[in-house]
Amino acid sequence: MRVGGVVSPSFTAALAGWLEARLYVAAAFITTSAIIDSIESPLTVSPVDAGFAIWDGAWYRDLALHGYGAVGLEGGERFFPLWPLLGRFLGSATGSVDVALVVAANLLAFVAAMLLYRLTMQETEDADLARHVVRIFSLFPSAFVLVFGYSEALFIVLALGFALCVRARAWWAAAILGFLAGLTRPVGFFLSLLALVHFVSGQRRSLPALLTIASAPLGSLTFLAWAQFSRGGWRVPIEAQNALRGGFREPVTRIISAFVEGAGGDWGELLHALAAVVFVFLAVVGVRTLSVDLWVYAVPSTLILFAADNLNSLERYGLAVFPLVIAGGIVSYRPRLRRWLPTVSAVAMMSLTSLALSGAYVP
């Protein structure tokens, strides 16, 4: 992307981290495939055999192809509709939903990195720090899902675009992005808090600004209204999600129980507990260093991550809370950390990628 004949700094910052991350994921994919081929019989099926359309990516593909309620897709209502709808549209244009979702996710991840650079520049006015934040985002251990056919990249783009538009008082554009975010992920409604901060602090309070505050909840309510008329009840998506993640749990005691179970030998719970501590720490850093609108959005978005019986996918959910990534970049912007943290993060990313591809980790 060029601005006035010069390559945009956000483009160059995003490109470097984007390419680096995909090299690491490709290396993990090749290594995992070779190991599994050497130890399993030809009749054994592993997630890696499906390429990058695995786990939730397979659900999104099947929903795009067959729709909600198809045989074998019971409980698919827990996945909000914008990503599978986009997969259906792009799949009809390209001839392959799998390819369309994976390519779209990777392109959107690139756009997300560019938007993150611009938002960080607004926060810090430091180009070197903004580049560091973008690299941290690209090499975040759970960021390998941005290479898979997951909805994370779409949601992050919409959320970042929403934040930038609200700050620019581009209310109509923000309202559209907020509505689409609400159709992508149920937690999109927390974006209302970000908009509310600007509405309260603004001198002119307009109808478009009010609509922007309501836009993300309206997106989610639209899906629930569809469920009411098409699936037999507006609670069907909520019940489908609860069937997988369990009922509401108080976040602090849930983290403590994860540590207890981890100490008892459940390495998955231990991983989630450690990730939870990191996210809480980054939320605290965000409150101390970021603008009010960002941390008002980040704090409840962080707490809701731990408020379920099943903490699977916690690490990628945290990636979508973009102020945490900015806070992580700020707190790690020190000479020693800048030298070794990207390497450690890349190793963790490759490890999680291999575990996910082998079926040992649920991303």
Protein backbone atom coordinates (compact mmCIF):
# COMPACT_ATOMS: atom_id res chain seq x y z
CA MET A 1 0.00 0.00 0.00
CA ARG A 2 1.37 3.40 -1.00
CA VAL A 3 0.52 6.77 0.46
CA GLY A 4 1.65 9.68 -1.69
CA GLY A 5 4.04 7.40 -3.60
CA VAL A 6 5.62 6.05 -0.41
CA VAL A 7 4.97 2.62 1.04
CA SER A 8 2.80 2.97 4.14
CA PRO A 9 4.65 2.27 7.44
CA SER A 10 1.68 0.18 8.57
CA PHE A 11 2.06 -1.99 5.46
CA THR A 12 5.76 -2.67 5.95
CA ALA A 13 5.32 -3.32 9.68
CA ALA A 14 2.47 -5.75 9.03
CA LEU A 15 4.21 -7.54 6.16
CA ALA A 16 7.34 -8.44 8.12
CA GLY A 17 5.51 -10.07 11.03
CA TRP A 18 2.87 -11.64 8.80
CA LEU A 19 5.48 -13.42 6.66
CA GLU A 20 7.52 -14.48 9.70
CA ALA A 21 4.51 -16.03 11.41
CA ARG A 22 3.51 -18.01 8.33
CA LEU A 23 7.00 -19.37 7.93
CA TYR A 24 6.86 -20.69 11.50
CA VAL A 25 3.40 -22.20 11.04
CA ALA A 26 4.47 -23.81 7.75
CA ALA A 27 7.53 -25.28 9.46
CA ALA A 28 5.35 -26.68 12.26
CA PHE A 29 2.92 -28.12 9.72
CA ILE A 30 5.65 -29.86 7.72
CA THR A 31 7.34 -31.21 10.85
CA THR A 32 4.10 -32.44 12.40
CA SER A 33 3.01 -34.10 9.17
CA ALA A 34 6.33 -35.92 8.86
CA ILE A 35 6.26 -37.12 12.48
CA ILE A 36 2.66 -38.34 12.29
CA ASP A 37 3.27 -40.10 8.98
CA SER A 38 6.22 -41.93 10.52
CA ILE A 39 4.42 -43.16 13.63
CA GLU A 40 0.84 -43.78 12.47
CA SER A 41 -0.61 -46.28 10.05
CA PRO A 42 -1.98 -45.07 6.70
CA LEU A 43 -5.51 -45.70 7.98
CA THR A 44 -5.12 -43.35 10.97
CA VAL A 45 -6.65 -39.90 10.50
CA SER A 46 -5.17 -36.91 12.34
CA PRO A 47 -6.21 -33.24 12.26
CA VAL A 48 -3.13 -32.38 10.21
CA ASP A 49 -4.57 -34.43 7.33
CA ALA A 50 -7.25 -31.75 6.86
CA GLY A 51 -4.70 -28.99 6.38
CA PHE A 52 -5.73 -25.66 7.89
CA ALA A 53 -9.50 -26.31 7.83
CA ILE A 54 -9.52 -28.12 11.16
CA TRP A 55 -11.24 -27.82 14.54
CA ASP A 56 -13.55 -24.79 14.37
CA GLY A 57 -12.41 -24.21 10.81
CA ALA A 58 -14.10 -27.46 9.81
CA TRP A 59 -17.32 -26.31 11.52
CA TYR A 60 -17.25 -23.01 9.64
CA ARG A 61 -16.64 -24.84 6.37
CA ASP A 62 -19.52 -27.25 6.93
CA LEU A 63 -21.86 -24.46 8.02
CA ALA A 64 -20.94 -22.53 4.89
CA LEU A 65 -21.65 -25.56 2.74
CA HIS A 66 -24.75 -26.97 4.42
CA GLY A 67 -26.16 -24.37 6.82
CA TYR A 68 -27.38 -24.64 10.39
CA GLY A 69 -29.33 -27.72 11.33
CA ALA A 70 -27.77 -30.00 8.71
CA VAL A 71 -27.17 -33.62 9.67
CA GLY A 72 -24.02 -33.87 11.74
CA LEU A 73 -24.00 -30.15 12.56
CA GLU A 74 -26.17 -30.23 15.67
CA GLY A 75 -25.01 -27.50 18.03
CA GLY A 76 -23.53 -25.48 15.19
CA GLU A 77 -25.61 -22.50 16.27
CA ARG A 78 -22.87 -21.64 18.77
CA PHE A 79 -20.93 -20.29 15.78
CA PHE A 80 -22.17 -16.85 14.79
CA PRO A 81 -23.10 -16.47 11.12
CA LEU A 82 -20.97 -13.82 9.42
CA TRP A 83 -17.86 -15.96 8.88
CA PRO A 84 -19.67 -19.00 7.41
CA LEU A 85 -21.79 -16.65 5.27
CA LEU A 86 -18.62 -15.05 3.97
CA GLY A 87 -17.19 -18.53 3.38
CA ARG A 88 -20.27 -19.50 1.37
CA PHE A 89 -20.01 -16.38 -0.79
CA LEU A 90 -16.25 -16.66 -1.38
CA GLY A 91 -16.48 -20.42 -1.83
CA SER A 92 -19.04 -20.03 -4.61
CA ALA A 93 -16.69 -17.57 -6.31
CA THR A 94 -13.52 -19.67 -5.93
CA GLY A 95 -14.94 -23.19 -6.06
CA SER A 96 -13.62 -24.22 -2.63
CA VAL A 97 -14.93 -23.08 0.74
CA ASP A 98 -11.85 -24.52 2.50
CA VAL A 99 -9.47 -22.49 0.38
CA ALA A 100 -11.66 -19.39 0.54
CA LEU A 101 -11.82 -19.37 4.34
CA VAL A 102 -8.09 -19.99 4.80
CA VAL A 103 -7.08 -17.36 2.25
CA ALA A 104 -9.55 -14.83 3.64
CA ALA A 105 -8.35 -15.46 7.20
CA ASN A 106 -4.73 -14.87 6.20
CA LEU A 107 -5.51 -11.70 4.25
CA LEU A 108 -7.63 -10.36 7.09
CA ALA A 109 -4.80 -11.11 9.53
CA PHE A 110 -2.60 -8.85 7.43
CA VAL A 111 -5.22 -6.09 7.51
CA ALA A 112 -5.56 -6.54 11.28
CA ALA A 113 -1.82 -6.02 11.72
CA MET A 114 -1.98 -2.79 9.68
CA LEU A 115 -4.90 -1.47 11.73
CA LEU A 116 -3.15 -2.44 14.96
CA TYR A 117 -0.11 -0.42 13.88
CA ARG A 118 -2.29 2.64 13.31
CA LEU A 119 -4.08 2.30 16.64
CA THR A 120 -0.78 1.84 18.49
CA MET A 121 0.58 4.95 16.80
CA GLN A 122 -2.41 6.87 18.10
CA GLU A 123 -1.69 5.56 21.60
CA THR A 124 2.09 5.99 21.68
CA GLU A 125 3.23 8.13 18.72
CA ASP A 126 6.26 5.82 18.59
CA ALA A 127 6.83 4.05 15.27
CA ASP A 128 9.40 1.61 16.67
CA LEU A 129 7.06 0.61 19.47
CA ALA A 130 4.18 0.23 17.00
CA ARG A 131 6.28 -2.12 14.87
CA HIS A 132 7.15 -4.09 18.00
CA VAL A 133 3.46 -4.40 18.92
CA VAL A 134 2.63 -5.66 15.44
CA ARG A 135 5.38 -8.27 15.65
CA ILE A 136 4.14 -9.38 19.08
CA PHE A 137 0.65 -9.70 17.60
CA SER A 138 1.90 -11.73 14.63
CA LEU A 139 4.00 -14.06 16.81
CA PHE A 140 1.54 -14.33 19.70
CA PRO A 141 1.57 -18.06 20.58
CA SER A 142 -2.11 -18.50 19.72
CA ALA A 143 -1.86 -16.38 16.57
CA PHE A 144 -1.40 -19.53 14.50
CA VAL A 145 -5.21 -19.60 14.31
CA LEU A 146 -4.92 -16.55 12.03
CA VAL A 147 -3.48 -18.97 9.46
CA PHE A 148 -6.37 -21.42 9.92
CA GLY A 149 -9.93 -20.98 8.63
CA TYR A 150 -11.03 -19.36 11.89
CA SER A 151 -13.15 -16.23 12.43
CA GLU A 152 -10.58 -14.52 14.69
CA ALA A 153 -8.99 -12.43 11.96
CA LEU A 154 -12.37 -11.15 10.77
CA PHE A 155 -13.44 -10.19 14.29
CA ILE A 156 -10.14 -8.46 15.08
CA VAL A 157 -10.34 -6.43 11.86
CA LEU A 158 -13.91 -5.38 12.65
CA ALA A 159 -13.06 -4.54 16.28
CA LEU A 160 -9.95 -2.52 15.37
CA GLY A 161 -11.81 -0.76 12.56
CA PHE A 162 -14.61 0.03 15.00
CA ALA A 163 -12.17 1.55 17.51
CA LEU A 164 -10.44 3.67 14.86
CA CYS A 165 -13.73 4.91 13.39
CA VAL A 166 -15.16 5.77 16.81
CA ARG A 167 -12.04 7.76 17.63
CA ALA A 168 -12.40 9.60 14.32
CA ARG A 169 -16.10 10.23 15.07
CA ALA A 170 -16.97 8.35 11.87
CA TRP A 171 -20.11 7.09 13.55
CA TRP A 172 -21.89 5.53 10.58
CA ALA A 173 -18.84 3.53 9.54
CA ALA A 174 -18.33 2.48 13.16
CA ALA A 175 -21.96 1.41 13.45
CA ILE A 176 -21.67 -0.84 10.41
CA LEU A 177 -18.46 -2.41 11.69
CA GLY A 178 -19.96 -2.88 15.15
CA PHE A 179 -23.05 -4.58 13.73
CA LEU A 180 -20.86 -6.95 11.71
CA ALA A 181 -18.69 -7.67 14.76
CA GLY A 182 -21.82 -8.62 16.68
CA LEU A 183 -22.69 -11.05 13.88
CA THR A 184 -19.21 -12.58 14.10
CA ARG A 185 -18.67 -13.19 17.81
CA PRO A 186 -21.04 -12.92 20.80
CA VAL A 187 -18.45 -10.95 22.78
CA GLY A 188 -18.67 -8.18 20.21
CA PHE A 189 -21.17 -6.41 22.44
CA PHE A 190 -18.30 -5.25 24.69
CA LEU A 191 -17.38 -2.84 21.89
CA SER A 192 -20.38 -0.80 23.07
CA LEU A 193 -18.35 0.20 26.12
CA LEU A 194 -15.59 1.61 23.92
CA ALA A 195 -18.11 3.70 21.99
CA LEU A 196 -19.86 4.77 25.18
CA VAL A 197 -16.66 6.36 26.50
CA HIS A 198 -16.44 8.60 23.44
CA PHE A 199 -20.15 9.36 23.51
CA VAL A 200 -20.01 10.50 27.13
CA SER A 201 -16.85 12.57 26.61
CA GLY A 202 -18.04 14.15 23.34
CA GLN A 203 -19.44 17.64 23.11
CA ARG A 204 -22.00 16.74 20.44
CA ARG A 205 -24.10 13.65 21.03
CA SER A 206 -25.83 12.55 17.88
CA LEU A 207 -28.19 9.79 16.81
CA PRO A 208 -25.43 8.04 14.78
CA ALA A 209 -23.30 7.97 17.93
CA LEU A 210 -26.13 6.34 19.87
CA LEU A 211 -26.60 3.84 17.04
CA THR A 212 -22.89 3.04 17.19
CA ILE A 213 -23.18 2.19 20.89
CA ALA A 214 -26.04 -0.19 20.12
CA SER A 215 -24.61 -1.60 16.88
CA ALA A 216 -22.68 -4.63 18.17
CA PRO A 217 -25.51 -5.82 20.48
CA LEU A 218 -27.92 -5.32 17.57
CA GLY A 219 -25.74 -7.59 15.44
CA SER A 220 -25.85 -10.36 18.02
CA LEU A 221 -29.58 -9.83 18.65
CA THR A 222 -30.20 -10.19 14.92
CA PHE A 223 -28.75 -13.69 15.05
CA LEU A 224 -30.77 -14.54 18.16
CA ALA A 225 -33.92 -13.25 16.43
CA TRP A 226 -33.16 -15.51 13.48
CA ALA A 227 -32.74 -18.41 15.91
CA GLN A 228 -36.12 -17.62 17.43
CA PHE A 229 -37.93 -17.99 14.11
CA SER A 230 -35.73 -20.57 12.37
CA ARG A 231 -34.30 -22.78 15.11
CA GLY A 232 -37.15 -22.85 17.61
CA GLY A 233 -35.90 -20.37 20.20
CA TRP A 234 -33.62 -17.41 20.68
CA ARG A 235 -31.67 -19.29 23.35
CA VAL A 236 -30.58 -22.04 20.98
CA PRO A 237 -27.15 -20.42 20.24
CA ILE A 238 -26.62 -19.73 23.94
CA GLU A 239 -27.54 -23.27 24.94
CA ALA A 240 -25.28 -24.68 22.22
CA GLN A 241 -22.39 -22.63 23.58
CA ASN A 242 -23.15 -23.64 27.17
CA ALA A 243 -23.21 -27.30 26.15
CA LEU A 244 -19.59 -26.92 25.04
CA ARG A 245 -18.14 -24.44 27.54
CA GLY A 246 -20.40 -25.09 30.51
CA GLY A 247 -22.27 -22.61 32.63
CA PHE A 248 -21.04 -19.32 34.04
CA ARG A 249 -18.20 -19.52 36.58
CA GLU A 250 -16.81 -16.75 38.74
CA PRO A 251 -13.49 -15.89 36.99
CA VAL A 252 -11.13 -15.77 39.99
CA THR A 253 -12.16 -19.11 41.44
CA ARG A 254 -12.08 -20.62 37.95
CA ILE A 255 -8.44 -19.60 37.53
CA ILE A 256 -7.59 -21.02 40.94
CA SER A 257 -9.28 -24.32 40.10
CA ALA A 258 -7.32 -24.44 36.83
CA PHE A 259 -4.07 -24.18 38.81
CA VAL A 260 -5.24 -26.90 41.20
CA GLU A 261 -6.14 -29.24 38.34
CA GLY A 262 -2.90 -28.37 36.60
CA ALA A 263 -0.92 -29.27 39.70
CA GLY A 264 -2.74 -32.60 39.64
CA GLY A 265 -1.34 -33.42 36.22
CA ASP A 266 -3.79 -31.80 33.78
CA TRP A 267 -1.33 -29.93 31.57
CA GLY A 268 -4.12 -28.35 29.55
CA GLU A 269 -5.63 -26.73 32.65
CA LEU A 270 -2.15 -25.59 33.71
CA LEU A 271 -1.62 -23.97 30.32
CA HIS A 272 -4.97 -22.16 30.58
CA ALA A 273 -4.18 -21.03 34.12
CA LEU A 274 -0.82 -19.58 33.09
CA ALA A 275 -2.42 -17.87 30.08
CA ALA A 276 -5.10 -16.42 32.38
CA VAL A 277 -2.46 -14.92 34.67
CA VAL A 278 -0.71 -13.36 31.66
CA PHE A 279 -3.97 -11.89 30.38
CA VAL A 280 -4.87 -10.46 33.79
CA PHE A 281 -1.40 -8.92 34.04
CA LEU A 282 -1.76 -7.38 30.58
CA ALA A 283 -5.19 -6.03 31.50
CA VAL A 284 -3.65 -4.31 34.53
CA VAL A 285 -0.90 -2.91 32.32
CA GLY A 286 -3.58 -1.71 29.92
CA VAL A 287 -5.44 0.14 32.68
CA ARG A 288 -2.20 1.89 33.63
CA THR A 289 -0.93 2.71 30.15
CA LEU A 290 -3.74 2.81 27.60
CA SER A 291 -6.49 5.32 26.93
CA VAL A 292 -9.73 4.90 28.83
CA ASP A 293 -11.71 3.65 25.83
CA LEU A 294 -9.33 0.73 25.26
CA TRP A 295 -9.10 -0.51 28.82
CA VAL A 296 -12.82 -0.08 29.42
CA TYR A 297 -13.28 -2.50 26.55
CA ALA A 298 -10.40 -4.78 27.56
CA VAL A 299 -11.16 -5.41 31.24
CA PRO A 300 -14.62 -7.04 30.92
CA SER A 301 -13.53 -8.75 27.70
CA THR A 302 -10.66 -10.30 29.67
CA LEU A 303 -12.74 -11.37 32.66
CA ILE A 304 -15.31 -13.13 30.49
CA LEU A 305 -12.51 -15.35 29.13
CA PHE A 306 -12.30 -17.21 32.43
CA ALA A 307 -16.00 -17.32 33.26
CA ALA A 308 -16.73 -20.83 31.97
CA ASP A 309 -16.25 -24.43 33.07
CA ASN A 310 -14.38 -25.29 29.87
CA LEU A 311 -11.35 -23.06 29.23
CA ASN A 312 -10.43 -24.63 25.89
CA SER A 313 -9.50 -22.01 23.28
CA LEU A 314 -8.79 -19.45 26.01
CA GLU A 315 -5.50 -18.50 24.40
CA ARG A 316 -6.98 -17.54 21.04
CA TYR A 317 -9.91 -15.74 22.67
CA GLY A 318 -7.36 -13.57 24.46
CA LEU A 319 -5.67 -12.72 21.17
CA ALA A 320 -8.93 -11.13 19.99
CA VAL A 321 -8.85 -8.66 22.92
CA PHE A 322 -6.53 -6.37 20.99
CA PRO A 323 -5.74 -3.89 23.83
CA LEU A 324 -4.01 -6.76 25.61
CA VAL A 325 -1.66 -7.13 22.65
CA ILE A 326 -0.86 -3.41 22.72
CA ALA A 327 -0.24 -3.64 26.47
CA GLY A 328 2.00 -6.64 25.88
CA GLY A 329 4.02 -4.70 23.35
CA ILE A 330 4.38 -1.74 25.68
CA VAL A 331 5.47 -3.76 28.72
CA SER A 332 7.94 -5.81 26.66
CA TYR A 333 9.47 -2.81 24.90
CA ARG A 334 12.72 -3.09 26.76
CA PRO A 335 16.11 -4.02 25.28
CA ARG A 336 16.41 -7.45 26.88
CA LEU A 337 12.79 -8.44 26.33
CA ARG A 338 12.85 -7.21 22.75
CA ARG A 339 15.79 -9.51 22.05
CA TRP A 340 14.43 -12.78 23.39
CA LEU A 341 10.63 -12.45 23.66
CA PRO A 342 9.88 -12.78 19.91
CA THR A 343 11.99 -15.94 19.78
CA VAL A 344 10.27 -17.46 22.81
CA SER A 345 6.88 -16.49 21.40
CA ALA A 346 7.71 -18.02 18.02
CA VAL A 347 8.76 -21.29 19.68
CA ALA A 348 5.53 -21.31 21.68
CA MET A 349 3.55 -20.61 18.49
CA MET A 350 5.18 -23.52 16.66
CA SER A 351 4.60 -25.80 19.66
CA LEU A 352 0.91 -24.95 19.91
CA THR A 353 0.55 -25.32 16.15
CA SER A 354 2.02 -28.82 16.28
CA LEU A 355 -0.14 -29.79 19.24
CA ALA A 356 -3.26 -28.52 17.47
CA LEU A 357 -2.39 -30.30 14.23
CA SER A 358 -1.75 -33.55 16.10
CA GLY A 359 -5.00 -33.32 18.07
CA ALA A 360 -3.42 -32.79 21.48
CA TYR A 361 -4.52 -29.16 21.87
CA VAL A 362 -7.88 -27.53 21.10
CA PRO A 363 -7.32 -24.10 19.58
